[in-house]
């Protein structure tokens, strides 16, 4: 399965997300603030990031900007996990270069659906890139996208 970073300042929310992800076979790494999230991304290079918007030191919008500015991580899938669930919040978040959106409280079904969608989309992007360059890695990328 995938290695997923949970960047969330609330320990109860982190625990819930970790349990939901581990049950599905994912490896989980955790960060409690935006600056720690960026350090962990550098160190562990996760397959996907679940990023809280309202975190201390550097909020989710600041983290996503830094991720997208770094060529090594610019295409890393990042899903916002947030209590911002008013009209227009989802659109604002998605227009800020997030790949997905989950409102809190997160339920297992919504989390699974959003992860499957984003990871499948990422797998298709890798296939397109690999096929365009003639790489032999395309079948592996396709298998990762289809198996999630």
Protein backbone atom coordinates (compact mmCIF):
# COMPACT_ATOMS: atom_id res chain seq x y z
CA UNK A 1 0.00 0.00 0.00
CA UNK A 2 0.98 3.65 0.27
CA UNK A 3 3.00 5.67 2.76
CA UNK A 4 0.79 8.53 3.96
CA UNK A 5 1.74 11.58 6.01
CA UNK A 6 -0.91 12.87 8.39
CA UNK A 7 -0.19 16.54 9.14
CA UNK A 8 -2.66 17.41 11.91
CA UNK A 9 -2.21 19.35 15.14
CA UNK A 10 -5.02 17.60 17.04
CA UNK A 11 -3.78 14.30 18.51
CA UNK A 12 -7.28 12.76 18.57
CA UNK A 13 -7.80 13.51 14.87
CA UNK A 14 -4.32 12.13 14.07
CA UNK A 15 -5.09 8.92 15.95
CA UNK A 16 -8.43 8.45 14.17
CA UNK A 17 -6.88 9.00 10.75
CA UNK A 18 -3.94 6.72 11.57
CA UNK A 19 -6.27 3.90 12.63
CA UNK A 20 -8.44 4.28 9.52
CA UNK A 21 -5.36 4.22 7.27
CA UNK A 22 -3.56 1.36 9.00
CA UNK A 23 -6.69 -0.82 8.79
CA UNK A 24 -6.48 -0.38 5.01
CA UNK A 25 -2.82 -1.43 5.03
CA UNK A 26 -1.18 1.97 4.62
CA UNK A 27 2.04 2.98 6.36
CA UNK A 28 1.54 6.18 8.35
CA UNK A 29 3.91 8.97 9.36
CA UNK A 30 2.73 11.95 11.40
CA UNK A 31 3.42 15.64 11.90
CA UNK A 32 1.83 18.04 14.40
CA UNK A 33 2.44 21.32 12.56
CA UNK A 34 3.22 22.65 9.10
CA UNK A 35 6.96 23.04 9.56
CA UNK A 36 7.30 19.49 10.85
CA UNK A 37 5.23 18.28 7.89
CA UNK A 38 7.71 19.83 5.45
CA UNK A 39 10.66 18.23 7.26
CA UNK A 40 8.97 14.82 7.21
CA UNK A 41 8.14 15.16 3.51
CA UNK A 42 11.86 15.77 2.84
CA UNK A 43 12.91 12.82 5.01
CA UNK A 44 10.31 10.17 4.10
CA UNK A 45 8.88 11.22 0.71
CA UNK A 46 5.34 9.95 1.36
CA UNK A 47 3.05 8.85 -1.47
CA UNK A 48 0.29 11.17 -0.25
CA UNK A 49 -0.24 13.87 2.39
CA UNK A 50 -3.39 14.43 4.45
CA UNK A 51 -2.98 18.08 5.43
CA UNK A 52 -4.97 19.97 8.04
CA UNK A 53 -5.57 23.59 7.06
CA UNK A 54 -5.58 25.15 10.54
CA UNK A 55 -2.20 24.21 12.03
CA UNK A 56 0.31 26.17 14.09
CA UNK A 57 3.65 27.54 12.81
CA UNK A 58 2.65 27.12 9.16
CA UNK A 59 -0.94 26.53 8.10
CA UNK A 60 -2.04 24.15 5.37
CA UNK A 61 -2.09 26.89 2.73
CA UNK A 62 1.54 27.73 3.53
CA UNK A 63 2.53 24.07 3.42
CA UNK A 64 0.86 23.43 0.05
CA UNK A 65 2.59 26.51 -1.42
CA UNK A 66 5.99 25.22 -0.28
CA UNK A 67 5.26 21.70 -1.58
CA UNK A 68 4.20 22.98 -5.01
CA UNK A 69 7.26 25.30 -5.22
CA UNK A 70 9.65 22.36 -4.72
CA UNK A 71 10.20 20.50 -8.02
CA UNK A 72 10.87 17.23 -6.15
CA UNK A 73 7.43 17.28 -4.53
CA UNK A 74 5.33 19.49 -6.83
CA UNK A 75 3.24 16.55 -8.08
CA UNK A 76 2.84 14.86 -4.68
CA UNK A 77 -0.86 14.31 -3.99
CA UNK A 78 -2.10 16.42 -1.08
CA UNK A 79 -5.61 16.16 0.37
CA UNK A 80 -6.91 18.91 2.65
CA UNK A 81 -8.53 17.65 5.85
CA UNK A 82 -10.35 20.55 7.41
CA UNK A 83 -13.17 21.87 9.52
CA UNK A 84 -13.68 24.56 6.86
CA UNK A 85 -16.92 23.25 5.41
CA UNK A 86 -18.94 26.36 4.65
CA UNK A 87 -20.19 27.25 1.19
CA UNK A 88 -17.23 28.03 -1.03
CA UNK A 89 -14.57 26.55 1.29
CA UNK A 90 -14.14 23.36 -0.77
CA UNK A 91 -13.69 25.36 -3.99
CA UNK A 92 -11.23 27.78 -2.33
CA UNK A 93 -9.15 24.88 -1.02
CA UNK A 94 -9.14 22.97 -4.30
CA UNK A 95 -8.19 26.12 -6.19
CA UNK A 96 -5.16 26.42 -3.86
CA UNK A 97 -3.51 23.40 -5.53
CA UNK A 98 -4.85 20.67 -3.25
CA UNK A 99 -5.69 17.40 -5.01
CA UNK A 100 -8.59 16.54 -2.75
CA UNK A 101 -10.77 17.72 0.12
CA UNK A 102 -12.19 16.04 3.22
CA UNK A 103 -14.30 17.86 5.79
CA UNK A 104 -14.09 17.04 9.48
CA UNK A 105 -15.22 14.97 11.15
CA UNK A 106 -13.77 12.49 8.67
CA UNK A 107 -15.61 9.20 8.27
CA UNK A 108 -14.02 5.98 7.07
CA UNK A 109 -16.05 5.77 3.87
CA UNK A 110 -15.28 9.32 2.70
CA UNK A 111 -11.60 8.88 3.52
CA UNK A 112 -11.38 5.62 1.57
CA UNK A 113 -13.18 7.09 -1.44
CA UNK A 114 -11.05 10.23 -1.56
CA UNK A 115 -7.78 8.30 -1.14
CA UNK A 116 -8.76 5.85 -3.86
CA UNK A 117 -9.70 8.69 -6.20
CA UNK A 118 -6.53 10.72 -5.61
CA UNK A 119 -4.14 7.75 -5.71
CA UNK A 120 -5.84 6.38 -8.84
CA UNK A 121 -5.56 9.82 -10.47
CA UNK A 122 -1.88 9.99 -9.48
CA UNK A 123 -1.31 6.52 -10.95
CA UNK A 124 -2.88 7.61 -14.25
CA UNK A 125 -0.67 10.71 -14.34
CA UNK A 126 2.41 8.55 -13.80
CA UNK A 127 1.27 6.19 -16.58
CA UNK A 128 0.80 9.11 -18.96
CA UNK A 129 4.24 10.51 -18.13
CA UNK A 130 5.90 7.09 -18.41
CA UNK A 131 4.20 6.24 -21.69
CA UNK A 132 5.13 9.59 -23.19
CA UNK A 133 8.79 9.02 -22.33
CA UNK A 134 8.73 5.35 -23.33
CA UNK A 135 9.63 4.20 -19.81
CA UNK A 136 9.19 0.59 -18.74
CA UNK A 137 7.82 1.78 -15.37
CA UNK A 138 4.34 2.40 -16.78
CA UNK A 139 2.97 -1.04 -15.92
CA UNK A 140 4.10 -0.63 -12.32
CA UNK A 141 2.49 2.82 -12.08
CA UNK A 142 -0.72 1.44 -13.58
CA UNK A 143 -0.78 -1.42 -11.05
CA UNK A 144 -0.37 1.01 -8.15
CA UNK A 145 -3.23 3.16 -9.43
CA UNK A 146 -5.54 0.22 -10.06
CA UNK A 147 -4.82 -1.57 -6.81
CA UNK A 148 -5.84 1.20 -4.46
